[in-house]
Amino acid sequence: MTENTPTKVKFSTISEDQAGQRIDNFLITQLKGAPKSLIYRIIRKGEVRVNKKRCKPDYKLQADDIIRIPPVRVSERNNDLPSAKLQTVQDLEHQIVFEDEAMIVINKPSGLAVHGGSGLSFGMIEALRALRPDARFLELVHRLDRDTSGLVMVAKKRSALRELHRMLRDKEIQKNYWCLVKGHWTQRRNKVDAPLLKNTLKSGERVVRVHDDGKASLTRFKIVQRYSGCTLMEAFPVTGRTHQIRVHCLAAGHPIACDSKYGDAEFTATTESFGLKRLFLHAIRLKLKHPLKDQQLNLEAPLGDSLKVCLSRMPKE
């Protein structure tokens, strides 16, 4: 990887939209291509200053703060990305479902983490920052599991992020998912109301289970189509717990196809024979009022090829 010459010392005045975020996250957007280890090092050594004073990585920016950003060597944008990462960036452009000055909504592919971390150096938000290098603010509004595909919201303004978070808390955003589950889902079961408890195994793997000590969790369900030995369901998560839909389907006795963590091996093998190559869980629809203007958004993300192929090959009931 080639490197460009060091950047010059830069002074940046924090706007209202930038206020509220941590300084380490702010520097990631300013020093594109710089590894996180370098960013934490220059903060620790006092090379980054806020209003001429040293700061800690978790310092939250305030409007009108003046940030001193030191000269560092950063890799050339895009041209120096490994080819696999560059392809991810280029592919993501075609997955943008909605974009304006306040937010972006992306149809995230399965297999792509929403952000780097936990051994992953490059995720959707990093790819988006490479795709929109001049954007002053890009922050995830919510998350999707790595293996889940579908609609993800990204805020382009701090004011939009705050309002979207409020809307999520007040349940003013409707998120719909499609999932293919094992067996014949009965028409009478239209919800799963079961508390979920999150555990971390010695390996570091996160596992969620139904447990009385868990957090209250509710998912509503509707049958979309019956197939031989399985059912295509639409899920409406009322709460937003980790792995909620996957664990609630398992608790109902209907695990999701190709779920490596909570699934059924025999059912997975059957669906793979019909062309399924990934977890069949897709965030298909978002319904919400625009966070900053009087506009209703009804967004939809088409199913990926593997999901469509599987459904087209399976016999319907």
Protein backbone atom coordinates (compact mmCIF):
# COMPACT_ATOMS: atom_id res chain seq x y z
CA MET A 1 0.00 0.00 0.00
CA THR A 2 1.46 3.37 -0.94
CA GLU A 3 1.12 6.38 1.32
CA ASN A 4 0.73 10.03 0.52
CA THR A 5 2.71 12.83 2.14
CA PRO A 6 1.65 13.83 5.65
CA THR A 7 -1.36 16.08 5.91
CA LYS A 8 -0.78 19.57 7.31
CA VAL A 9 -2.00 20.67 10.73
CA LYS A 10 -5.69 21.42 10.39
CA PHE A 11 -8.05 23.31 12.67
CA SER A 12 -11.73 22.38 12.51
CA THR A 13 -14.59 24.25 14.20
CA ILE A 14 -17.41 21.94 15.27
CA SER A 15 -20.85 22.70 13.84
CA GLU A 16 -24.21 22.01 15.49
CA ASP A 17 -24.60 18.88 13.34
CA GLN A 18 -21.21 17.54 14.42
CA ALA A 19 -21.75 18.23 18.13
CA GLY A 20 -22.52 15.29 20.40
CA GLN A 21 -20.30 12.68 18.76
CA ARG A 22 -17.11 11.29 20.31
CA ILE A 23 -13.87 12.83 19.15
CA ASP A 24 -12.42 9.45 18.09
CA ASN A 25 -15.37 8.90 15.74
CA PHE A 26 -14.99 12.46 14.43
CA LEU A 27 -11.30 11.88 13.67
CA ILE A 28 -12.11 8.67 11.79
CA THR A 29 -14.21 10.75 9.38
CA GLN A 30 -11.53 13.45 9.08
CA LEU A 31 -8.47 11.22 8.67
CA LYS A 32 -9.82 8.83 6.06
CA GLY A 33 -7.56 5.83 5.63
CA ALA A 34 -5.87 6.23 9.03
CA PRO A 35 -6.10 3.09 11.22
CA LYS A 36 -7.91 3.40 14.53
CA SER A 37 -4.70 2.53 16.39
CA LEU A 38 -3.06 5.66 14.94
CA ILE A 39 -6.04 7.82 15.88
CA TYR A 40 -5.96 6.64 19.50
CA ARG A 41 -2.18 7.14 19.61
CA ILE A 42 -2.30 10.78 18.49
CA ILE A 43 -5.07 11.46 21.04
CA ARG A 44 -3.08 9.77 23.81
CA LYS A 45 0.12 11.68 22.94
CA GLY A 46 -1.73 15.00 23.08
CA GLU A 47 -1.29 15.79 19.39
CA VAL A 48 -5.05 16.26 19.10
CA ARG A 49 -6.26 19.30 21.01
CA VAL A 50 -9.72 20.61 21.85
CA ASN A 51 -9.70 24.35 22.48
CA LYS A 52 -5.90 24.07 22.98
CA LYS A 53 -6.30 21.38 25.66
CA ARG A 54 -5.62 17.63 25.68
CA CYS A 55 -8.63 15.32 25.49
CA LYS A 56 -9.64 11.69 25.90
CA PRO A 57 -11.01 9.46 23.09
CA ASP A 58 -14.50 9.49 24.60
CA TYR A 59 -14.73 13.30 24.78
CA LYS A 60 -18.04 14.41 23.27
CA LEU A 61 -17.74 17.35 20.92
CA GLN A 62 -19.63 20.58 21.57
CA ALA A 63 -20.66 23.21 19.06
CA ASP A 64 -17.89 25.78 18.41
CA ASP A 65 -15.13 23.53 19.79
CA ILE A 66 -11.90 24.12 17.87
CA ILE A 67 -10.11 20.86 17.11
CA ARG A 68 -6.41 20.68 16.26
CA ILE A 69 -5.83 17.75 13.91
CA PRO A 70 -2.10 16.93 13.57
CA PRO A 71 -0.31 15.96 10.34
CA VAL A 72 -0.43 12.18 9.83
CA ARG A 73 0.28 9.84 6.96
CA VAL A 74 -2.96 8.45 5.60
CA SER A 75 -3.36 6.00 2.74
CA GLU A 76 -4.69 7.27 -0.56
CA ARG A 77 -8.46 6.93 -0.73
CA ASN A 78 -10.01 4.06 -2.75
CA ASN A 79 -6.98 3.52 -5.01
CA ASP A 80 -5.11 2.02 -2.06
CA LEU A 81 -8.00 -0.05 -0.77
CA PRO A 82 -7.48 -3.80 -1.22
CA SER A 83 -9.43 -4.95 -4.27
CA ALA A 84 -12.04 -6.79 -2.18
CA LYS A 85 -12.73 -3.65 -0.15
CA LEU A 86 -12.78 -1.47 -3.25
CA GLN A 87 -15.35 -3.81 -4.81
CA THR A 88 -17.48 -3.54 -1.65
CA VAL A 89 -17.39 0.25 -1.91
CA GLN A 90 -18.34 0.22 -5.59
CA ASP A 91 -21.11 -2.35 -5.07
CA LEU A 92 -22.63 -0.31 -2.24
CA GLU A 93 -23.41 2.60 -4.60
CA HIS A 94 -25.95 0.38 -6.37
CA GLN A 95 -27.59 -0.59 -3.08
CA ILE A 96 -28.64 2.94 -2.07
CA VAL A 97 -32.45 2.97 -1.89
CA PHE A 98 -32.89 6.57 -0.70
CA GLU A 99 -30.58 9.54 -0.16
CA ASP A 100 -31.03 13.24 0.57
CA GLU A 101 -29.22 15.85 2.64
CA ALA A 102 -30.35 14.28 5.94
CA MET A 103 -30.03 10.52 5.54
CA ILE A 104 -29.13 7.51 3.41
CA VAL A 105 -31.01 4.20 3.36
CA ILE A 106 -29.04 1.22 2.03
CA ASN A 107 -30.02 -2.31 1.08
CA LYS A 108 -27.18 -3.99 3.01
CA PRO A 109 -25.93 -7.24 1.48
CA SER A 110 -25.82 -10.39 3.59
CA GLY A 111 -22.32 -11.13 4.91
CA LEU A 112 -21.34 -7.47 5.31
CA ALA A 113 -21.10 -6.19 8.90
CA VAL A 114 -22.63 -2.76 9.46
CA HIS A 115 -19.30 -1.58 10.91
CA GLY A 116 -15.76 -2.82 11.48
CA GLY A 117 -14.88 -4.36 14.84
CA SER A 118 -14.82 -7.78 16.49
CA GLY A 119 -12.02 -8.83 14.15
CA LEU A 120 -13.54 -7.06 11.14
CA SER A 121 -11.62 -4.05 9.87
CA PHE A 122 -14.09 -3.00 7.21
CA GLY A 123 -17.86 -2.79 7.32
CA MET A 124 -20.76 -1.03 5.62
CA ILE A 125 -20.22 2.32 7.36
CA GLU A 126 -16.50 2.31 6.46
CA ALA A 127 -17.40 1.53 2.84
CA LEU A 128 -19.96 4.32 2.86
CA ARG A 129 -17.40 6.80 4.18
CA ALA A 130 -15.07 5.81 1.35
CA LEU A 131 -17.97 6.25 -1.07
CA ARG A 132 -18.89 9.69 0.32
CA PRO A 133 -15.47 11.14 1.27
CA ASP A 134 -16.76 14.71 1.48
CA ALA A 135 -19.60 13.90 3.89
CA ARG A 136 -18.92 15.68 7.18
CA PHE A 137 -21.17 13.33 9.18
CA LEU A 138 -22.17 9.70 8.58
CA GLU A 139 -23.47 7.64 11.50
CA LEU A 140 -25.48 4.43 11.75
CA VAL A 141 -29.00 4.93 13.07
CA HIS A 142 -29.51 1.24 13.91
CA ARG A 143 -27.91 -2.13 13.16
CA LEU A 144 -28.54 -5.34 11.29
CA ASP A 145 -26.83 -8.65 11.99
CA ARG A 146 -23.97 -9.39 9.61
CA ASP A 147 -25.85 -12.26 7.93
CA THR A 148 -29.14 -10.34 7.65
CA SER A 149 -29.72 -8.28 4.51
CA GLY A 150 -31.97 -5.31 3.88
CA LEU A 151 -32.68 -1.72 4.79
CA VAL A 152 -30.33 0.18 7.09
CA MET A 153 -30.59 3.90 7.90
CA VAL A 154 -27.52 6.15 8.06
CA ALA A 155 -27.79 9.77 9.24
CA LYS A 156 -25.94 12.54 7.39
CA LYS A 157 -26.72 15.16 10.06
CA ARG A 158 -26.54 15.06 13.84
CA SER A 159 -30.05 16.57 14.01
CA ALA A 160 -31.38 13.75 11.81
CA LEU A 161 -29.65 11.13 13.97
CA ARG A 162 -31.18 12.53 17.16
CA GLU A 163 -34.68 12.60 15.66
CA LEU A 164 -34.41 9.10 14.16
CA HIS A 165 -33.24 7.74 17.52
CA ARG A 166 -36.22 9.42 19.19
CA MET A 167 -38.56 7.93 16.59
CA LEU A 168 -37.12 4.46 17.21
CA ARG A 169 -37.56 4.83 20.97
CA ASP A 170 -41.14 6.01 20.52
CA LYS A 171 -41.84 3.21 18.02
CA GLU A 172 -42.68 5.61 15.19
CA ILE A 173 -40.65 3.65 12.62
CA GLN A 174 -42.08 0.42 11.21
CA LYS A 175 -39.51 -2.19 10.16
CA ASN A 176 -40.73 -5.29 8.33
CA TYR A 177 -38.68 -8.43 7.67
CA TRP A 178 -39.23 -11.52 5.55
CA CYS A 179 -37.96 -14.85 6.84
CA LEU A 180 -38.33 -18.44 5.66
CA VAL A 181 -39.01 -20.76 8.58
CA LYS A 182 -39.25 -24.50 9.08
CA GLY A 183 -42.64 -26.16 9.24
CA HIS A 184 -46.28 -25.13 9.01
CA TRP A 185 -46.73 -21.86 10.94
CA THR A 186 -50.24 -21.84 12.33
CA GLN A 187 -52.54 -18.97 11.42
CA ARG A 188 -53.45 -18.54 15.09
CA ARG A 189 -49.93 -17.58 16.14
CA ASN A 190 -49.60 -13.91 15.17
CA LYS A 191 -47.02 -12.90 17.76
CA VAL A 192 -44.22 -14.16 20.00
CA ASP A 193 -43.97 -12.38 23.35
CA ALA A 194 -40.94 -13.82 25.16
CA PRO A 195 -38.12 -12.14 27.17
CA LEU A 196 -34.64 -12.45 25.69
CA LEU A 197 -31.38 -12.80 27.60
CA LYS A 198 -28.01 -12.19 25.96
CA ASN A 199 -25.02 -14.38 26.91
CA THR A 200 -21.39 -14.33 25.81
CA LEU A 201 -19.67 -17.71 25.53
CA LYS A 202 -16.01 -18.28 26.49
CA SER A 203 -15.20 -18.11 22.79
CA GLY A 204 -16.59 -14.57 22.70
CA GLU A 205 -19.61 -15.62 20.63
CA ARG A 206 -22.89 -13.91 21.52
CA VAL A 207 -25.89 -16.18 22.05
CA VAL A 208 -29.43 -15.08 22.91
CA ARG A 209 -32.09 -17.27 24.52
CA VAL A 210 -35.58 -16.97 25.93
CA HIS A 211 -35.29 -16.54 29.70
CA ASP A 212 -37.40 -15.02 32.47
CA ASP A 213 -34.47 -12.79 33.46
CA GLY A 214 -34.24 -11.34 29.96
CA LYS A 215 -35.58 -8.10 28.52
CA ALA A 216 -39.21 -7.92 27.41
CA SER A 217 -39.36 -8.67 23.67
CA LEU A 218 -42.27 -8.76 21.24
CA THR A 219 -42.43 -9.73 17.56
CA ARG A 220 -45.60 -9.82 15.47
CA PHE A 221 -45.88 -12.23 12.54
CA LYS A 222 -47.96 -12.65 9.39
CA ILE A 223 -47.95 -15.52 6.89
CA VAL A 224 -46.85 -14.47 3.38
CA GLN A 225 -46.79 -17.85 1.57
CA ARG A 226 -46.81 -21.52 2.49
CA TYR A 227 -44.35 -23.92 0.86
CA SER A 228 -43.85 -27.65 1.22
CA GLY A 229 -42.32 -28.10 4.67
CA CYS A 230 -41.80 -24.40 5.37
CA THR A 231 -43.49 -20.99 5.56
CA LEU A 232 -42.48 -17.55 4.31
CA MET A 233 -43.26 -15.10 7.13
CA GLU A 234 -43.36 -11.34 7.55
CA ALA A 235 -42.02 -10.26 10.95
CA PHE A 236 -42.70 -6.95 12.69
CA PRO A 237 -40.33 -6.51 15.66
CA VAL A 238 -41.96 -4.21 18.22
CA THR A 239 -38.82 -4.23 20.37
CA GLY A 240 -35.30 -4.24 18.95
CA ARG A 241 -33.28 -6.89 20.78
CA THR A 242 -30.18 -8.65 19.45
CA HIS A 243 -31.15 -11.66 17.27
CA GLN A 244 -34.79 -11.09 18.26
CA ILE A 245 -36.56 -12.45 15.17
CA ARG A 246 -34.21 -15.43 14.92
CA VAL A 247 -34.69 -16.47 18.55
CA HIS A 248 -38.44 -15.80 18.57
CA CYS A 249 -38.85 -18.01 15.48
CA LEU A 250 -36.85 -20.74 17.22
CA ALA A 251 -38.96 -20.33 20.38
CA ALA A 252 -42.09 -20.80 18.26
CA GLY A 253 -40.66 -24.07 16.94
CA HIS A 254 -39.93 -22.66 13.48
CA PRO A 255 -36.19 -21.88 13.07
CA ILE A 256 -35.10 -19.72 10.12
CA ALA A 257 -33.50 -21.31 7.06
CA CYS A 258 -29.68 -21.36 6.97
CA ASP A 259 -29.33 -19.92 10.47
CA SER A 260 -25.90 -21.20 11.58
CA LYS A 261 -26.49 -20.16 15.21
CA TYR A 262 -30.16 -20.96 15.92
CA GLY A 263 -31.16 -23.08 12.93
CA ASP A 264 -31.98 -26.70 12.15
CA ALA A 265 -29.30 -28.62 10.20
CA GLU A 266 -31.76 -30.81 8.29
CA PHE A 267 -33.92 -27.83 7.27
CA THR A 268 -30.82 -25.89 6.24
CA ALA A 269 -29.68 -28.77 4.02
CA THR A 270 -33.13 -28.90 2.39
CA THR A 271 -33.20 -25.18 1.61
CA GLU A 272 -29.60 -25.28 0.36
CA SER A 273 -30.69 -27.93 -2.15
CA PHE A 274 -33.10 -25.30 -3.52
CA GLY A 275 -30.26 -22.80 -3.99
CA LEU A 276 -30.24 -20.94 -0.66
CA LYS A 277 -26.72 -19.86 0.26
CA ARG A 278 -27.30 -17.57 3.27
CA LEU A 279 -29.57 -16.80 6.22
CA PHE A 280 -33.11 -16.19 4.95
CA LEU A 281 -33.79 -13.00 6.90
CA HIS A 282 -34.27 -9.75 4.99
CA ALA A 283 -35.31 -6.28 6.19
CA ILE A 284 -37.71 -5.68 3.33
CA ARG A 285 -39.64 -2.50 4.29
CA LEU A 286 -39.27 0.73 6.24
CA LYS A 287 -42.13 3.12 6.94
CA LEU A 288 -41.41 6.41 8.67
CA LYS A 289 -41.86 10.15 8.57
CA HIS A 290 -38.77 11.97 7.32
CA PRO A 291 -36.80 13.15 10.38
CA LEU A 292 -36.37 16.76 9.21
CA LYS A 293 -39.26 17.54 6.86
CA ASP A 294 -42.91 16.79 6.21
CA GLN A 295 -42.46 13.72 4.00
CA GLN A 296 -43.65 10.15 4.43
CA LEU A 297 -41.10 7.51 3.43
CA ASN A 298 -42.25 4.05 2.34
CA LEU A 299 -39.09 2.22 1.31
CA GLU A 300 -38.62 -1.33 0.05
CA ALA A 301 -35.56 -3.46 -0.67
CA PRO A 302 -35.90 -6.30 -3.18
CA LEU A 303 -34.89 -9.81 -2.15
CA GLY A 304 -31.37 -10.89 -3.07
CA ASP A 305 -30.74 -13.44 -5.82
CA SER A 306 -30.16 -16.41 -3.50
CA LEU A 307 -33.47 -15.79 -1.70
CA LYS A 308 -35.42 -15.37 -4.96
CA VAL A 309 -33.89 -18.50 -6.48
CA CYS A 310 -34.79 -20.57 -3.41
CA LEU A 311 -38.43 -19.39 -3.41
CA SER A 312 -38.80 -19.97 -7.15
CA ARG A 313 -37.64 -23.59 -6.86
CA MET A 314 -39.63 -24.66 -3.81
CA PRO A 315 -43.08 -26.20 -4.33
CA LYS A 316 -45.91 -24.10 -2.91
CA GLU A 317 -48.72 -25.57 -0.86
